[in-house]
Amino acid sequence: MVKVIFYNLLRSKYHVKEMLVEPGTIHHIISQVLEAHTEMDINDFKTCVIFNKGNPIHYRGFHKIIEDQEEIIITHFVGGG
């Protein structure tokens, strides 16, 4: 299983902190998240950044395979000032 941790927009908007999904590409992982949480909007994932082993992955890199027992963080950058 892959542990998915949600921060910022997804956590505050949908009140989901983390979940476990089957390994696969990030696109496949997002599909599993959307199946489990039908209230989530797929468009929220098109602007997110995913961290895997400390490395950022943007939408164009969502073909990357996440292996069993790994952990990813899904977040959105927020600004202010």
C-alpha atoms as a PDB file:
ATOM      1  CA  MET A   1       0.000   0.000   0.000  1.00  0.00           C
ATOM      2  CA  VAL A   2       1.005   3.601  -0.600  1.00  0.00           C
ATOM      3  CA  LYS A   3       0.357   6.166   2.109  1.00  0.00           C
ATOM      4  CA  VAL A   4      -1.075   9.408   0.703  1.00  0.00           C
ATOM      5  CA  ILE A   5      -0.896  12.475   2.952  1.00  0.00           C
ATOM      6  CA  PHE A   6      -2.934  15.569   2.101  1.00  0.00           C
ATOM      7  CA  TYR A   7      -1.880  19.106   3.043  1.00  0.00           C
ATOM      8  CA  ASN A   8      -3.221  22.622   2.520  1.00  0.00           C
ATOM      9  CA  LEU A   9      -6.110  22.925   0.018  1.00  0.00           C
ATOM     10  CA  LEU A  10      -7.192  19.284  -0.090  1.00  0.00           C
ATOM     11  CA  ARG A  11      -7.006  18.827   3.672  1.00  0.00           C
ATOM     12  CA  SER A  12      -8.919  22.011   4.492  1.00  0.00           C
ATOM     13  CA  LYS A  13     -11.441  21.766   1.650  1.00  0.00           C
ATOM     14  CA  TYR A  14     -12.317  18.072   2.003  1.00  0.00           C
ATOM     15  CA  HIS A  15     -11.223  17.294   5.595  1.00  0.00           C
ATOM     16  CA  VAL A  16      -9.124  14.305   4.528  1.00  0.00           C
ATOM     17  CA  LYS A  17      -5.728  13.915   6.183  1.00  0.00           C
ATOM     18  CA  GLU A  18      -4.384  10.672   4.729  1.00  0.00           C
ATOM     19  CA  MET A  19      -5.343   7.363   3.161  1.00  0.00           C
ATOM     20  CA  LEU A  20      -3.857   4.132   1.860  1.00  0.00           C
ATOM     21  CA  VAL A  21      -4.076   3.157  -1.820  1.00  0.00           C
ATOM     22  CA  GLU A  22      -2.645   0.535  -4.147  1.00  0.00           C
ATOM     23  CA  PRO A  23       0.725   1.336  -5.771  1.00  0.00           C
ATOM     24  CA  GLY A  24       0.920   2.522  -9.376  1.00  0.00           C
ATOM     25  CA  THR A  25       1.312   5.716 -11.340  1.00  0.00           C
ATOM     26  CA  ILE A  26       0.337   8.962  -9.668  1.00  0.00           C
ATOM     27  CA  HIS A  27      -2.585   9.211 -12.115  1.00  0.00           C
ATOM     28  CA  HIS A  28      -3.772   5.788 -10.891  1.00  0.00           C
ATOM     29  CA  ILE A  29      -3.339   6.831  -7.253  1.00  0.00           C
ATOM     30  CA  ILE A  30      -5.383   9.986  -7.830  1.00  0.00           C
ATOM     31  CA  SER A  31      -8.095   7.874  -9.477  1.00  0.00           C
ATOM     32  CA  GLN A  32      -8.262   5.731  -6.339  1.00  0.00           C
ATOM     33  CA  VAL A  33      -8.507   8.831  -4.155  1.00  0.00           C
ATOM     34  CA  LEU A  34     -11.343  10.195  -6.313  1.00  0.00           C
ATOM     35  CA  GLU A  35     -13.199   6.855  -6.156  1.00  0.00           C
ATOM     36  CA  ALA A  36     -12.990   6.846  -2.367  1.00  0.00           C
ATOM     37  CA  HIS A  37     -13.851  10.547  -1.993  1.00  0.00           C
ATOM     38  CA  THR A  38     -16.391  11.380  -4.671  1.00  0.00           C
ATOM     39  CA  GLU A  39     -16.784  14.906  -3.313  1.00  0.00           C
ATOM     40  CA  MET A  40     -13.255  15.768  -4.478  1.00  0.00           C
ATOM     41  CA  ASP A  41     -12.793  17.644  -7.753  1.00  0.00           C
ATOM     42  CA  ILE A  42     -10.215  16.263 -10.188  1.00  0.00           C
ATOM     43  CA  ASN A  43      -9.243  19.836 -11.109  1.00  0.00           C
ATOM     44  CA  ASP A  44      -7.813  20.296  -7.606  1.00  0.00           C
ATOM     45  CA  PHE A  45      -5.185  17.701  -8.490  1.00  0.00           C
ATOM     46  CA  LYS A  46      -4.083  19.395 -11.721  1.00  0.00           C
ATOM     47  CA  THR A  47      -2.521  22.272  -9.777  1.00  0.00           C
ATOM     48  CA  CYS A  48      -1.066  20.298  -6.884  1.00  0.00           C
ATOM     49  CA  VAL A  49       2.523  19.314  -6.202  1.00  0.00           C
ATOM     50  CA  ILE A  50       3.337  15.817  -5.036  1.00  0.00           C
ATOM     51  CA  PHE A  51       6.393  15.049  -2.958  1.00  0.00           C
ATOM     52  CA  ASN A  52       7.932  11.586  -3.122  1.00  0.00           C
ATOM     53  CA  LYS A  53      11.136  10.956  -1.200  1.00  0.00           C
ATOM     54  CA  GLY A  54      11.552  14.724  -0.865  1.00  0.00           C
ATOM     55  CA  ASN A  55      11.347  15.329  -4.622  1.00  0.00           C
ATOM     56  CA  PRO A  56       8.580  17.503  -6.100  1.00  0.00           C
ATOM     57  CA  ILE A  57       6.488  16.100  -8.934  1.00  0.00           C
ATOM     58  CA  HIS A  58       4.214  18.346 -11.006  1.00  0.00           C
ATOM     59  CA  TYR A  59       1.265  17.338 -13.205  1.00  0.00           C
ATOM     60  CA  ARG A  60       3.442  16.514 -16.228  1.00  0.00           C
ATOM     61  CA  GLY A  61       5.285  13.942 -14.113  1.00  0.00           C
ATOM     62  CA  PHE A  62       2.223  12.083 -12.856  1.00  0.00           C
ATOM     63  CA  HIS A  63       3.166   9.084 -15.016  1.00  0.00           C
ATOM     64  CA  LYS A  64       5.784   8.255 -12.331  1.00  0.00           C
ATOM     65  CA  ILE A  65       5.198   4.930 -10.612  1.00  0.00           C
ATOM     66  CA  ILE A  66       4.968   4.943  -6.821  1.00  0.00           C
ATOM     67  CA  GLU A  67       6.018   1.603  -5.394  1.00  0.00           C
ATOM     68  CA  ASP A  68       4.466  -0.411  -2.584  1.00  0.00           C
ATOM     69  CA  GLN A  69       5.347   0.829   0.932  1.00  0.00           C
ATOM     70  CA  GLU A  70       6.193   4.357  -0.295  1.00  0.00           C
ATOM     71  CA  GLU A  71       4.628   7.580   0.911  1.00  0.00           C
ATOM     72  CA  ILE A  72       3.572  10.656  -1.041  1.00  0.00           C
ATOM     73  CA  ILE A  73       2.443  14.094   0.063  1.00  0.00           C
ATOM     74  CA  ILE A  74      -0.095  16.004  -2.014  1.00  0.00           C
ATOM     75  CA  THR A  75      -0.054  19.753  -1.416  1.00  0.00           C
ATOM     76  CA  HIS A  76      -0.692  23.111  -3.035  1.00  0.00           C
ATOM     77  CA  PHE A  77       1.620  26.049  -2.629  1.00  0.00           C
ATOM     78  CA  VAL A  78      -0.058  28.944  -0.912  1.00  0.00           C
ATOM     79  CA  GLY A  79       1.183  32.476  -0.833  1.00  0.00           C
ATOM     80  CA  GLY A  80       0.576  35.685   0.931  1.00  0.00           C
ATOM     81  CA  GLY A  81       2.422  38.607   2.115  1.00  0.00           C
END
